[in-house]
Structures are given as structure tokens and as C-alpha cells.
Amino acid sequence: MEIDPIGVVMRWISVYGLIGLFAAALAERFMPVIPSHGLLLSVGISASDGAWSLPAAVLATSIGSFCGCATCFYCVRALGDERSMRILSSVSRLLGISPDRINDRIASFRRRQTALAFGLQLVPTIRLLAPIFAAFLRGNSRGFLTASAAGILTWSSLFAGIGFFASHKIEETNSTVLAVSVLGCVLLAEFAVLWVTRRVQANRKVGNVSWQN
């Protein structure tokens, strides 16, 4: 007997059509029972079977995910500057981070907010925490949410598209197996990018030291 829990959940969601996709993407922001990439792969597979059009499915899941992201951001933002800073200070003391370093990180985040907001929506798990971090660090709401929306749309389009085309290439597509396989590839790719980035930065530092000497 084939085990495919993601496929089973998707068959239940498909009963409610695009509204079901919106609700599932929204709920995933708060209760990530099904990894978003697994959900989106199944969305693409179902689109290839005629359950819904691929563009409409991508739009519905993107809007649902964005609404969840914005809700998280504004709920934390509602704590206010003073309370947020107290929480940050408490966490920094527990982690042994000095207040000056926290202030440096806040300033650094604000300088690179747009790139970080977009990029963090392409990292599994971290993408769910990004609006909380941004709200605590008092990021600009319009800039953060606009960049996050672009990242969410990219994430949704990528995995729904993979599911759609995989369904045409593979005769029997198990959503759960495909989700695990793709996640492994994504993590390997992101690890490789991180390793290369760190190597480049290390080489630049060595080069700068050598040039100064």
C-alpha cells in the first residue's frame, strides 16, 4: 500500500477548491503540519490533473501565505517599541549578546531589509519566522511586506511549477516522496550557496590583510 499523507491531505483540500488552497496556505503560517513546499508540490500535481489552473492555484496560495505573514508581522508589531526592545534585551542577555551588538544587528537589518525580506522567504522554516524577526527589529512595514510578497510568490511559483512538470514526467507521482526529495535538494543547494559565500568572504578578508601588509 502506497503511503502518501500529503496527497491525502491535498485530496481533502481540493474539495474546497481555491478557497481551500487559500485557507491551507494561511494556516501553514501558524500550524506548519505540512511543509509549504510539500503543499505546493501537491498543488502543482493537482493542477496537472485538472483540479485547478496552475496560475490561479499559485495566486491563491501566495495570497494566503502573504496574509499569514502580514498577520504575524503586525501582531508582533502591536507590542510597541518599548516592549519589543525589552524582549530583545532579555533574549540578548540569555544568549550573551551585548546591547551594542544588538543595536548593530538592528541597523544592519534595516540597511538590507529588502534583500533579507525577499531572501528569507526562500529558506525553509526560517521563512515562517522572518515576519516575527522583522517586527521585533522594527523594520519598515511597507518595504518588508512588499519584498516578502515577492519572495512568497517566487517560492509558490517554483514549487507548484516543479510539481506540475514532475507530474507530466513521472507516471506515478507520490507527493510525499517528491516533497522529501525536493527538500533535500533545496537544503543542499542553500548549503552550497552559503559555503561558497563564506569562502568568498574569507578570501576577501585574507586578500585585504595581505594588501595592507
N, C-alpha and C. Protein backbone atom coordinates (compact mmCIF):
# COMPACT_ATOMS: atom_id res chain seq x y z
N MET A 1 0.84 -1.20 0.00
CA MET A 1 0.00 0.00 0.00
C MET A 1 0.88 1.26 0.00
N GLU A 2 0.62 2.19 -0.93
CA GLU A 2 1.44 3.38 -1.05
C GLU A 2 1.10 4.37 0.06
N ILE A 3 2.13 4.88 0.72
CA ILE A 3 1.94 5.85 1.79
C ILE A 3 2.19 7.24 1.23
N ASP A 4 1.17 8.09 1.27
CA ASP A 4 1.28 9.44 0.72
C ASP A 4 0.39 10.38 1.52
N PRO A 5 0.81 10.75 2.76
CA PRO A 5 -0.04 11.62 3.60
C PRO A 5 -0.31 12.98 2.99
N ILE A 6 0.69 13.57 2.30
CA ILE A 6 0.47 14.88 1.69
C ILE A 6 -0.58 14.79 0.59
N GLY A 7 -0.52 13.72 -0.18
CA GLY A 7 -1.51 13.52 -1.23
C GLY A 7 -2.91 13.37 -0.67
N VAL A 8 -3.03 12.68 0.47
CA VAL A 8 -4.33 12.50 1.11
C VAL A 8 -4.90 13.85 1.56
N VAL A 9 -4.06 14.66 2.19
CA VAL A 9 -4.50 15.99 2.65
C VAL A 9 -4.91 16.85 1.46
N MET A 10 -4.16 16.77 0.35
CA MET A 10 -4.47 17.58 -0.81
C MET A 10 -5.81 17.17 -1.42
N ARG A 11 -6.13 15.89 -1.38
CA ARG A 11 -7.42 15.45 -1.92
C ARG A 11 -8.57 16.04 -1.09
N TRP A 12 -8.34 16.20 0.21
CA TRP A 12 -9.35 16.81 1.07
C TRP A 12 -9.46 18.30 0.78
N ILE A 13 -8.31 18.96 0.60
CA ILE A 13 -8.32 20.39 0.31
C ILE A 13 -8.98 20.69 -1.03
N SER A 14 -8.74 19.81 -2.01
CA SER A 14 -9.26 20.05 -3.37
C SER A 14 -10.78 20.10 -3.41
N VAL A 15 -11.43 19.52 -2.40
CA VAL A 15 -12.89 19.58 -2.34
C VAL A 15 -13.37 21.03 -2.24
N TYR A 16 -12.58 21.87 -1.59
CA TYR A 16 -12.96 23.27 -1.37
C TYR A 16 -12.36 24.21 -2.41
N GLY A 17 -11.66 23.67 -3.39
CA GLY A 17 -11.15 24.47 -4.49
C GLY A 17 -10.11 25.49 -4.07
N LEU A 18 -10.14 26.65 -4.73
CA LEU A 18 -9.15 27.69 -4.47
C LEU A 18 -9.29 28.27 -3.06
N ILE A 19 -10.50 28.27 -2.52
CA ILE A 19 -10.69 28.74 -1.14
C ILE A 19 -9.95 27.81 -0.18
N GLY A 20 -9.99 26.51 -0.46
CA GLY A 20 -9.26 25.54 0.36
C GLY A 20 -7.76 25.78 0.28
N LEU A 21 -7.25 26.12 -0.90
CA LEU A 21 -5.82 26.40 -1.05
C LEU A 21 -5.43 27.65 -0.26
N PHE A 22 -6.26 28.69 -0.36
CA PHE A 22 -6.00 29.92 0.40
C PHE A 22 -5.95 29.62 1.90
N ALA A 23 -6.94 28.87 2.39
CA ALA A 23 -7.01 28.55 3.82
C ALA A 23 -5.83 27.69 4.26
N ALA A 24 -5.43 26.73 3.42
CA ALA A 24 -4.31 25.85 3.77
C ALA A 24 -3.00 26.63 3.84
N ALA A 25 -2.79 27.54 2.87
CA ALA A 25 -1.56 28.35 2.86
C ALA A 25 -1.54 29.32 4.05
N LEU A 26 -2.69 29.85 4.40
CA LEU A 26 -2.79 30.74 5.56
C LEU A 26 -2.50 29.98 6.85
N ALA A 27 -3.13 28.81 7.00
CA ALA A 27 -2.95 28.01 8.22
C ALA A 27 -1.52 27.53 8.37
N GLU A 28 -0.83 27.26 7.25
CA GLU A 28 0.54 26.74 7.30
C GLU A 28 1.49 27.73 7.96
N ARG A 29 1.15 29.01 7.92
CA ARG A 29 1.98 30.03 8.57
C ARG A 29 1.96 29.89 10.09
N PHE A 30 0.88 29.35 10.62
CA PHE A 30 0.72 29.25 12.06
C PHE A 30 0.82 27.81 12.58
N MET A 31 0.41 26.87 11.74
CA MET A 31 0.47 25.45 12.11
C MET A 31 1.09 24.67 10.95
N PRO A 32 2.43 24.67 10.86
CA PRO A 32 3.10 24.03 9.72
C PRO A 32 3.08 22.50 9.80
N VAL A 33 1.87 21.94 9.81
CA VAL A 33 1.74 20.47 9.84
C VAL A 33 2.29 19.88 8.55
N ILE A 34 1.97 20.52 7.44
CA ILE A 34 2.50 20.12 6.13
C ILE A 34 3.50 21.18 5.70
N PRO A 35 4.74 20.81 5.40
CA PRO A 35 5.71 21.81 4.91
C PRO A 35 5.16 22.51 3.68
N SER A 36 5.39 23.81 3.59
CA SER A 36 4.81 24.58 2.49
C SER A 36 5.26 24.07 1.12
N HIS A 37 6.52 23.65 1.04
CA HIS A 37 6.98 23.17 -0.27
C HIS A 37 6.26 21.88 -0.66
N GLY A 38 5.94 21.03 0.34
CA GLY A 38 5.19 19.81 0.06
C GLY A 38 3.77 20.12 -0.39
N LEU A 39 3.16 21.09 0.29
CA LEU A 39 1.82 21.53 -0.11
C LEU A 39 1.82 22.05 -1.53
N LEU A 40 2.82 22.87 -1.86
CA LEU A 40 2.88 23.50 -3.18
C LEU A 40 3.19 22.48 -4.28
N LEU A 41 4.04 21.52 -3.98
CA LEU A 41 4.29 20.46 -4.96
C LEU A 41 3.00 19.72 -5.29
N SER A 42 2.20 19.44 -4.25
CA SER A 42 0.93 18.75 -4.46
C SER A 42 -0.07 19.63 -5.21
N VAL A 43 0.01 20.93 -4.97
CA VAL A 43 -0.83 21.88 -5.70
C VAL A 43 -0.52 21.80 -7.20
N GLY A 44 0.76 21.74 -7.53
CA GLY A 44 1.16 21.62 -8.92
C GLY A 44 0.73 20.30 -9.54
N ILE A 45 0.86 19.22 -8.77
CA ILE A 45 0.43 17.90 -9.26
C ILE A 45 -1.06 17.89 -9.52
N SER A 46 -1.83 18.47 -8.59
CA SER A 46 -3.28 18.52 -8.76
C SER A 46 -3.67 19.40 -9.94
N ALA A 47 -2.90 20.47 -10.17
CA ALA A 47 -3.18 21.34 -11.32
C ALA A 47 -2.99 20.58 -12.63
N SER A 48 -1.98 19.71 -12.66
CA SER A 48 -1.74 18.93 -13.89
C SER A 48 -2.86 17.91 -14.12
N ASP A 49 -3.56 17.55 -13.03
CA ASP A 49 -4.69 16.61 -13.14
C ASP A 49 -6.00 17.33 -13.41
N GLY A 50 -5.96 18.66 -13.50
CA GLY A 50 -7.14 19.43 -13.85
C GLY A 50 -7.98 19.89 -12.66
N ALA A 51 -7.43 19.79 -11.46
CA ALA A 51 -8.19 20.23 -10.28
C ALA A 51 -8.40 21.73 -10.28
N TRP A 52 -7.43 22.48 -10.79
CA TRP A 52 -7.49 23.94 -10.90
C TRP A 52 -6.39 24.37 -11.86
N SER A 53 -6.45 25.62 -12.31
CA SER A 53 -5.38 26.11 -13.19
C SER A 53 -4.17 26.43 -12.34
N LEU A 54 -2.98 26.24 -12.90
CA LEU A 54 -1.75 26.48 -12.15
C LEU A 54 -1.61 27.95 -11.72
N PRO A 55 -1.84 28.93 -12.61
CA PRO A 55 -1.71 30.34 -12.18
C PRO A 55 -2.67 30.70 -11.04
N ALA A 56 -3.92 30.22 -11.13
CA ALA A 56 -4.90 30.53 -10.08
C ALA A 56 -4.50 29.89 -8.76
N ALA A 57 -3.96 28.68 -8.83
CA ALA A 57 -3.53 27.98 -7.60
C ALA A 57 -2.34 28.69 -6.96
N VAL A 58 -1.39 29.12 -7.79
CA VAL A 58 -0.23 29.85 -7.27
C VAL A 58 -0.67 31.15 -6.62
N LEU A 59 -1.61 31.85 -7.26
CA LEU A 59 -2.09 33.12 -6.72
C LEU A 59 -2.82 32.91 -5.39
N ALA A 60 -3.67 31.87 -5.32
CA ALA A 60 -4.42 31.61 -4.10
C ALA A 60 -3.51 31.26 -2.93
N THR A 61 -2.52 30.41 -3.17
CA THR A 61 -1.60 30.03 -2.09
C THR A 61 -0.70 31.20 -1.70
N SER A 62 -0.30 32.01 -2.68
CA SER A 62 0.56 33.16 -2.38
C SER A 62 -0.19 34.19 -1.53
N ILE A 63 -1.43 34.45 -1.87
CA ILE A 63 -2.23 35.41 -1.10
C ILE A 63 -2.46 34.89 0.32
N GLY A 64 -2.77 33.59 0.44
CA GLY A 64 -2.98 33.01 1.77
C GLY A 64 -1.73 33.10 2.62
N SER A 65 -0.59 32.76 2.04
CA SER A 65 0.68 32.81 2.77
C SER A 65 1.05 34.24 3.13
N PHE A 66 0.80 35.18 2.21
CA PHE A 66 1.12 36.59 2.50
C PHE A 66 0.25 37.13 3.63
N CYS A 67 -1.02 36.76 3.63
CA CYS A 67 -1.92 37.21 4.71
C CYS A 67 -1.43 36.70 6.06
N GLY A 68 -0.95 35.45 6.09
CA GLY A 68 -0.41 34.90 7.33
C GLY A 68 0.86 35.62 7.74
N CYS A 69 1.72 35.93 6.78
CA CYS A 69 2.96 36.66 7.04
C CYS A 69 2.66 38.05 7.61
N ALA A 70 1.74 38.75 6.98
CA ALA A 70 1.38 40.10 7.43
C ALA A 70 0.75 40.08 8.81
N THR A 71 -0.08 39.06 9.08
CA THR A 71 -0.72 38.93 10.39
C THR A 71 0.33 38.75 11.49
N CYS A 72 1.30 37.86 11.24
CA CYS A 72 2.39 37.65 12.21
C CYS A 72 3.15 38.94 12.45
N PHE A 73 3.46 39.65 11.37
CA PHE A 73 4.23 40.88 11.48
C PHE A 73 3.51 41.92 12.33
N TYR A 74 2.23 42.15 12.03
CA TYR A 74 1.50 43.20 12.74
C TYR A 74 1.13 42.80 14.17
N CYS A 75 0.96 41.52 14.42
CA CYS A 75 0.69 41.08 15.80
C CYS A 75 1.89 41.37 16.70
N VAL A 76 3.09 41.07 16.22
CA VAL A 76 4.30 41.36 16.99
C VAL A 76 4.54 42.86 17.04
N ARG A 77 4.28 43.54 15.93
CA ARG A 77 4.48 45.00 15.87
C ARG A 77 3.58 45.71 16.88
N ALA A 78 2.43 45.11 17.19
CA ALA A 78 1.48 45.72 18.12
C ALA A 78 2.02 45.77 19.55
N LEU A 79 3.09 45.04 19.82
CA LEU A 79 3.69 45.08 21.15
C LEU A 79 4.26 46.46 21.47
N GLY A 80 4.63 47.20 20.43
CA GLY A 80 5.19 48.53 20.65
C GLY A 80 6.71 48.50 20.74
N ASP A 81 7.32 49.65 20.53
CA ASP A 81 8.78 49.77 20.53
C ASP A 81 9.38 49.40 21.88
N GLU A 82 8.80 49.94 22.94
CA GLU A 82 9.38 49.75 24.27
C GLU A 82 9.35 48.28 24.68
N ARG A 83 8.20 47.64 24.50
CA ARG A 83 8.09 46.23 24.90
C ARG A 83 8.96 45.35 24.02
N SER A 84 9.01 45.65 22.72
CA SER A 84 9.86 44.87 21.81
C SER A 84 11.32 44.94 22.22
N MET A 85 11.78 46.14 22.58
CA MET A 85 13.18 46.31 22.97
C MET A 85 13.48 45.58 24.28
N ARG A 86 12.49 45.56 25.19
CA ARG A 86 12.69 44.81 26.44
C ARG A 86 12.85 43.33 26.16
N ILE A 87 12.02 42.81 25.26
CA ILE A 87 12.10 41.39 24.91
C ILE A 87 13.43 41.09 24.23
N LEU A 88 13.85 41.96 23.30
CA LEU A 88 15.14 41.78 22.63
C LEU A 88 16.29 41.81 23.62
N SER A 89 16.21 42.73 24.57
CA SER A 89 17.26 42.84 25.58
C SER A 89 17.33 41.59 26.44
N SER A 90 16.17 41.08 26.81
CA SER A 90 16.13 39.85 27.63
C SER A 90 16.72 38.67 26.88
N VAL A 91 16.34 38.53 25.62
CA VAL A 91 16.86 37.43 24.80
C VAL A 91 18.35 37.58 24.60
N SER A 92 18.82 38.81 24.36
CA SER A 92 20.25 39.03 24.13
C SER A 92 21.07 38.69 25.37
N ARG A 93 20.53 39.00 26.55
CA ARG A 93 21.25 38.65 27.78
C ARG A 93 21.34 37.14 27.96
N LEU A 94 20.25 36.44 27.62
CA LEU A 94 20.26 34.98 27.72
C LEU A 94 21.29 34.37 26.77
N LEU A 95 21.45 35.00 25.62
CA LEU A 95 22.39 34.49 24.60
C LEU A 95 23.79 35.06 24.76
N GLY A 96 23.96 35.95 25.73
CA GLY A 96 25.28 36.55 25.95
C GLY A 96 25.67 37.55 24.90
N ILE A 97 24.68 38.22 24.31
CA ILE A 97 24.95 39.22 23.27
C ILE A 97 24.84 40.60 23.90
N SER A 98 25.83 41.44 23.66
CA SER A 98 25.84 42.79 24.25
C SER A 98 24.80 43.68 23.58
N PRO A 99 24.29 44.68 24.31
CA PRO A 99 23.32 45.63 23.73
C PRO A 99 23.85 46.34 22.49
N ASP A 100 25.15 46.66 22.48
CA ASP A 100 25.73 47.34 21.32
C ASP A 100 25.64 46.46 20.07
N ARG A 101 25.88 45.16 20.29
CA ARG A 101 25.82 44.25 19.15
C ARG A 101 24.39 44.11 18.63
N ILE A 102 23.42 44.12 19.56
CA ILE A 102 22.02 44.07 19.16
C ILE A 102 21.67 45.29 18.32
N ASN A 103 22.13 46.46 18.77
CA ASN A 103 21.87 47.70 18.02
C ASN A 103 22.52 47.66 16.64
N ASP A 104 23.71 47.06 16.56
CA ASP A 104 24.38 46.92 15.26
C ASP A 104 23.58 46.02 14.33
N ARG A 105 23.04 44.92 14.90
CA ARG A 105 22.26 44.00 14.09
C ARG A 105 20.96 44.65 13.59
N ILE A 106 20.35 45.45 14.46
CA ILE A 106 19.13 46.15 14.05
C ILE A 106 19.43 47.11 12.90
N ALA A 107 20.52 47.86 13.05
CA ALA A 107 20.91 48.80 11.99
C ALA A 107 21.24 48.07 10.70
N SER A 108 21.94 46.95 10.81
CA SER A 108 22.30 46.16 9.63
C SER A 108 21.07 45.62 8.94
N PHE A 109 20.09 45.14 9.73
CA PHE A 109 18.85 44.63 9.15
C PHE A 109 18.11 45.72 8.39
N ARG A 110 18.03 46.89 8.98
CA ARG A 110 17.31 47.99 8.34
C ARG A 110 17.98 48.42 7.03
N ARG A 111 19.31 48.35 6.99
CA ARG A 111 20.02 48.72 5.74
C ARG A 111 19.75 47.71 4.63
N ARG A 112 19.63 46.43 5.00
CA ARG A 112 19.48 45.38 3.99
C ARG A 112 18.10 44.73 4.04
N GLN A 113 17.13 45.47 4.54
CA GLN A 113 15.82 44.89 4.80
C GLN A 113 15.17 44.27 3.56
N THR A 114 15.21 44.97 2.44
CA THR A 114 14.53 44.49 1.24
C THR A 114 15.10 43.15 0.77
N ALA A 115 16.43 43.07 0.67
CA ALA A 115 17.07 41.83 0.22
C ALA A 115 16.82 40.69 1.21
N LEU A 116 16.91 40.98 2.51
CA LEU A 116 16.70 39.95 3.52
C LEU A 116 15.25 39.48 3.53
N ALA A 117 14.31 40.41 3.44
CA ALA A 117 12.89 40.03 3.45
C ALA A 117 12.56 39.11 2.28
N PHE A 118 13.11 39.43 1.12
CA PHE A 118 12.89 38.57 -0.05
C PHE A 118 13.58 37.22 0.12
N GLY A 119 14.87 37.25 0.49
CA GLY A 119 15.65 36.02 0.58
C GLY A 119 15.18 35.06 1.65
N LEU A 120 14.74 35.59 2.80
CA LEU A 120 14.32 34.71 3.89
C LEU A 120 13.04 33.95 3.56
N GLN A 121 12.25 34.46 2.61
CA GLN A 121 11.06 33.74 2.19
C GLN A 121 11.39 32.55 1.29
N LEU A 122 12.67 32.38 0.98
CA LEU A 122 13.11 31.25 0.15
C LEU A 122 13.88 30.22 0.98
N VAL A 123 13.85 30.36 2.30
CA VAL A 123 14.56 29.43 3.19
C VAL A 123 13.53 28.65 4.02
N PRO A 124 13.51 27.32 3.90
CA PRO A 124 12.54 26.53 4.67
C PRO A 124 12.61 26.84 6.16
N THR A 125 11.47 26.83 6.81
CA THR A 125 11.30 27.08 8.25
C THR A 125 11.59 28.54 8.62
N ILE A 126 12.78 29.05 8.25
CA ILE A 126 13.13 30.43 8.57
C ILE A 126 12.11 31.39 7.98
N ARG A 127 11.53 31.04 6.83
CA ARG A 127 10.56 31.91 6.18
C ARG A 127 9.35 32.16 7.07
N LEU A 128 9.03 31.21 7.94
CA LEU A 128 7.89 31.38 8.84
C LEU A 128 8.22 32.34 9.99
N LEU A 129 9.48 32.40 10.36
CA LEU A 129 9.92 33.25 11.48
C LEU A 129 10.31 34.65 11.05
N ALA A 130 10.53 34.84 9.75
CA ALA A 130 11.01 36.12 9.25
C ALA A 130 10.14 37.31 9.65
N PRO A 131 8.79 37.23 9.54
CA PRO A 131 8.00 38.41 9.94
C PRO A 131 8.10 38.72 11.42
N ILE A 132 8.33 37.71 12.26
CA ILE A 132 8.49 37.94 13.70
C ILE A 132 9.80 38.68 13.96
N PHE A 133 10.89 38.21 13.32
CA PHE A 133 12.18 38.88 13.46
C PHE A 133 12.08 40.34 13.00
N ALA A 134 11.47 40.54 11.82
CA ALA A 134 11.38 41.88 11.25
C ALA A 134 10.59 42.82 12.14
N ALA A 135 9.51 42.31 12.74
CA ALA A 135 8.69 43.15 13.61
C ALA A 135 9.44 43.53 14.88
N PHE A 136 10.18 42.58 15.44
CA PHE A 136 10.97 42.88 16.64
C PHE A 136 12.08 43.89 16.34
N LEU A 137 12.63 43.80 15.14
CA LEU A 137 13.71 44.70 14.76
C LEU A 137 13.21 46.02 14.18
N ARG A 138 11.89 46.22 14.24
CA ARG A 138 11.26 47.47 13.84
C ARG A 138 11.56 47.83 12.40
N GLY A 139 11.45 46.82 11.52
CA GLY A 139 11.66 47.09 10.10
C GLY A 139 10.53 47.91 9.52
N ASN A 140 10.79 48.56 8.38
CA ASN A 140 9.77 49.33 7.69
C ASN A 140 8.69 48.39 7.16
N SER A 141 7.46 48.61 7.55
CA SER A 141 6.39 47.67 7.22
C SER A 141 6.14 47.56 5.72
N ARG A 142 6.08 48.69 5.02
CA ARG A 142 5.79 48.63 3.59
C ARG A 142 6.92 47.93 2.84
N GLY A 143 8.16 48.30 3.14
CA GLY A 143 9.29 47.67 2.45
C GLY A 143 9.38 46.19 2.74
N PHE A 144 9.21 45.82 4.01
CA PHE A 144 9.30 44.41 4.38
C PHE A 144 8.21 43.59 3.71
N LEU A 145 6.97 44.05 3.79
CA LEU A 145 5.85 43.27 3.26
C LEU A 145 5.89 43.19 1.73
N THR A 146 6.33 44.26 1.07
CA THR A 146 6.44 44.22 -0.40
C THR A 146 7.48 43.20 -0.84
N ALA A 147 8.65 43.23 -0.20
CA ALA A 147 9.71 42.27 -0.55
C ALA A 147 9.29 40.85 -0.18
N SER A 148 8.61 40.70 0.95
CA SER A 148 8.14 39.38 1.37
C SER A 148 7.13 38.82 0.37
N ALA A 149 6.24 39.70 -0.12
CA ALA A 149 5.25 39.25 -1.11
C ALA A 149 5.93 38.72 -2.37
N ALA A 150 6.99 39.41 -2.80
CA ALA A 150 7.74 38.94 -3.97
C ALA A 150 8.40 37.60 -3.69
N GLY A 151 8.97 37.44 -2.48
CA GLY A 151 9.59 36.18 -2.11
C GLY A 151 8.58 35.04 -2.03
N ILE A 152 7.41 35.33 -1.46
CA ILE A 152 6.35 34.31 -1.34
C ILE A 152 5.87 33.88 -2.72
N LEU A 153 5.68 34.84 -3.61
CA LEU A 153 5.22 34.49 -4.96
C LEU A 153 6.27 33.65 -5.69
N THR A 154 7.55 33.98 -5.50
CA THR A 154 8.63 33.20 -6.12
C THR A 154 8.64 31.78 -5.57
N TRP A 155 8.53 31.65 -4.24
CA TRP A 155 8.52 30.33 -3.59
C TRP A 155 7.34 29.50 -4.09
N SER A 156 6.15 30.09 -4.14
CA SER A 156 4.96 29.37 -4.56
C SER A 156 5.06 28.94 -6.02
N SER A 157 5.51 29.85 -6.86
CA SER A 157 5.63 29.54 -8.29
C SER A 157 6.64 28.43 -8.54
N LEU A 158 7.76 28.48 -7.81
CA LEU A 158 8.82 27.49 -8.01
C LEU A 158 8.33 26.08 -7.70
N PHE A 159 7.78 25.88 -6.51
CA PHE A 159 7.43 24.51 -6.11
C PHE A 159 6.15 24.01 -6.77
N ALA A 160 5.19 24.90 -7.00
CA ALA A 160 3.99 24.46 -7.73
C ALA A 160 4.38 24.08 -9.15
N GLY A 161 5.30 24.85 -9.75
CA GLY A 161 5.77 24.54 -11.10
C GLY A 161 6.51 23.21 -11.15
N ILE A 162 7.35 22.94 -10.13
CA ILE A 162 8.06 21.65 -10.08
C ILE A 162 7.07 20.50 -10.00
N GLY A 163 6.05 20.65 -9.13
CA GLY A 163 5.04 19.60 -9.01
C GLY A 163 4.29 19.39 -10.31
N PHE A 164 3.97 20.49 -10.99
CA PHE A 164 3.22 20.41 -12.25
C PHE A 164 3.99 19.65 -13.31
N PHE A 165 5.27 20.02 -13.49
CA PHE A 165 6.07 19.39 -14.53
C PHE A 165 6.51 17.98 -14.13
N ALA A 166 6.73 17.73 -12.83
CA ALA A 166 7.09 16.38 -12.38
C ALA A 166 5.96 15.42 -12.64
N SER A 167 4.72 15.90 -12.50
CA SER A 167 3.56 15.04 -12.73
C SER A 167 3.49 14.58 -14.18
N HIS A 168 3.96 15.43 -15.10
CA HIS A 168 3.96 15.05 -16.52
C HIS A 168 5.12 14.12 -16.86
N LYS A 169 6.22 14.25 -16.12
CA LYS A 169 7.41 13.45 -16.42
C LYS A 169 7.39 12.09 -15.72
N ILE A 170 6.77 12.05 -14.52
CA ILE A 170 6.74 10.80 -13.74
C ILE A 170 5.32 10.25 -13.77
N GLU A 171 5.19 9.03 -14.20
CA GLU A 171 3.86 8.45 -14.40
C GLU A 171 3.08 8.35 -13.10
N GLU A 172 3.70 7.82 -12.04
CA GLU A 172 3.06 7.72 -10.74
C GLU A 172 3.80 8.65 -9.78
N THR A 173 3.18 9.79 -9.42
CA THR A 173 3.84 10.80 -8.60
C THR A 173 3.33 10.72 -7.17
N ASN A 174 4.22 10.33 -6.24
CA ASN A 174 3.90 10.31 -4.81
C ASN A 174 4.30 11.67 -4.23
N SER A 175 3.31 12.45 -3.79
CA SER A 175 3.57 13.81 -3.33
C SER A 175 4.54 13.85 -2.16
N THR A 176 4.40 12.90 -1.23
CA THR A 176 5.25 12.90 -0.04
C THR A 176 6.70 12.59 -0.39
N VAL A 177 6.91 11.57 -1.22
CA VAL A 177 8.27 11.22 -1.64
C VAL A 177 8.90 12.36 -2.43
N LEU A 178 8.11 12.97 -3.31
CA LEU A 178 8.62 14.08 -4.10
C LEU A 178 8.98 15.26 -3.20
N ALA A 179 8.14 15.54 -2.19
CA ALA A 179 8.39 16.65 -1.27
C ALA A 179 9.69 16.45 -0.50
N VAL A 180 9.92 15.23 0.00
CA VAL A 180 11.14 14.94 0.75
C VAL A 180 12.37 15.06 -0.15
N SER A 181 12.25 14.56 -1.37
CA SER A 181 13.37 14.62 -2.31
C SER A 181 13.73 16.05 -2.68
N VAL A 182 12.70 16.84 -2.97
CA VAL A 182 12.94 18.24 -3.36
C VAL A 182 13.50 19.03 -2.19
N LEU A 183 12.99 18.78 -0.97
CA LEU A 183 13.51 19.49 0.19
C LEU A 183 15.00 19.20 0.38
N GLY A 184 15.39 17.94 0.19
CA GLY A 184 16.80 17.58 0.29
C GLY A 184 17.64 18.34 -0.72
N CYS A 185 17.13 18.47 -1.93
CA CYS A 185 17.86 19.21 -2.97
C CYS A 185 17.96 20.70 -2.63
N VAL A 186 16.85 21.25 -2.10
CA VAL A 186 16.84 22.68 -1.74
C VAL A 186 17.85 22.95 -0.63
N LEU A 187 17.85 22.11 0.39
CA LEU A 187 18.78 22.30 1.51
C LEU A 187 20.23 22.17 1.06
N LEU A 188 20.51 21.21 0.17
CA LEU A 188 21.86 21.04 -0.35
C LEU A 188 22.29 22.27 -1.16
N ALA A 189 21.36 22.77 -1.97
CA ALA A 189 21.67 23.95 -2.79
C ALA A 189 21.94 25.18 -1.91
N GLU A 190 21.12 25.36 -0.88
CA GLU A 190 21.30 26.51 0.00
C GLU A 190 22.57 26.37 0.83
N PHE A 191 22.91 25.15 1.23
CA PHE A 191 24.16 24.92 1.95
C PHE A 191 25.35 25.24 1.06
N ALA A 192 25.26 24.83 -0.22
CA ALA A 192 26.35 25.10 -1.16
C ALA A 192 26.52 26.60 -1.38
N VAL A 193 25.41 27.33 -1.52
CA VAL A 193 25.48 28.79 -1.70
C VAL A 193 26.10 29.44 -0.47
N LEU A 194 25.68 28.99 0.73
CA LEU A 194 26.22 29.55 1.97
C LEU A 194 27.71 29.28 2.09
N TRP A 195 28.12 28.06 1.74
CA TRP A 195 29.55 27.69 1.82
C TRP A 195 30.38 28.54 0.86
N VAL A 196 29.88 28.69 -0.37
CA VAL A 196 30.61 29.48 -1.37
C VAL A 196 30.69 30.94 -0.92
N THR A 197 29.58 31.48 -0.38
CA THR A 197 29.57 32.87 0.08
C THR A 197 30.60 33.09 1.18
N ARG A 198 30.65 32.17 2.13
CA ARG A 198 31.60 32.30 3.24
C ARG A 198 33.04 32.18 2.75
N ARG A 199 33.27 31.29 1.78
CA ARG A 199 34.61 31.14 1.24
C ARG A 199 35.05 32.42 0.53
N VAL A 200 34.13 33.01 -0.21
CA VAL A 200 34.45 34.25 -0.92
C VAL A 200 34.76 35.37 0.07
N GLN A 201 33.95 35.47 1.13
CA GLN A 201 34.18 36.49 2.14
C GLN A 201 35.51 36.28 2.86
N ALA A 202 35.82 35.01 3.17
CA ALA A 202 37.09 34.70 3.84
C ALA A 202 38.27 35.06 2.95
N ASN A 203 38.17 34.75 1.66
CA ASN A 203 39.26 35.06 0.72
C ASN A 203 39.44 36.57 0.57
N ARG A 204 38.32 37.31 0.61
CA ARG A 204 38.43 38.77 0.53
C ARG A 204 39.15 39.34 1.74
N LYS A 205 38.83 38.79 2.92
CA LYS A 205 39.48 39.28 4.14
C LYS A 205 40.97 38.99 4.12
N VAL A 206 41.32 37.77 3.66
CA VAL A 206 42.75 37.41 3.56
C VAL A 206 43.44 38.31 2.56
N GLY A 207 42.77 38.60 1.43
CA GLY A 207 43.35 39.47 0.40
C GLY A 207 43.55 40.89 0.90
N ASN A 208 42.59 41.38 1.68
CA ASN A 208 42.70 42.75 2.22
C ASN A 208 43.86 42.85 3.22
N VAL A 209 44.01 41.80 4.06
CA VAL A 209 45.11 41.79 5.04
C VAL A 209 46.44 41.76 4.33
N SER A 210 46.55 40.91 3.28
CA SER A 210 47.80 40.80 2.52
C SER A 210 48.14 42.11 1.83
N TRP A 211 47.12 42.78 1.29
CA TRP A 211 47.35 44.04 0.58
C TRP A 211 47.83 45.11 1.54
N GLN A 212 47.25 45.17 2.76
CA GLN A 212 47.66 46.15 3.74
C GLN A 212 49.07 45.93 4.21
N ASN A 213 49.47 44.64 4.30
CA ASN A 213 50.84 44.32 4.72
C ASN A 213 51.84 44.62 3.62
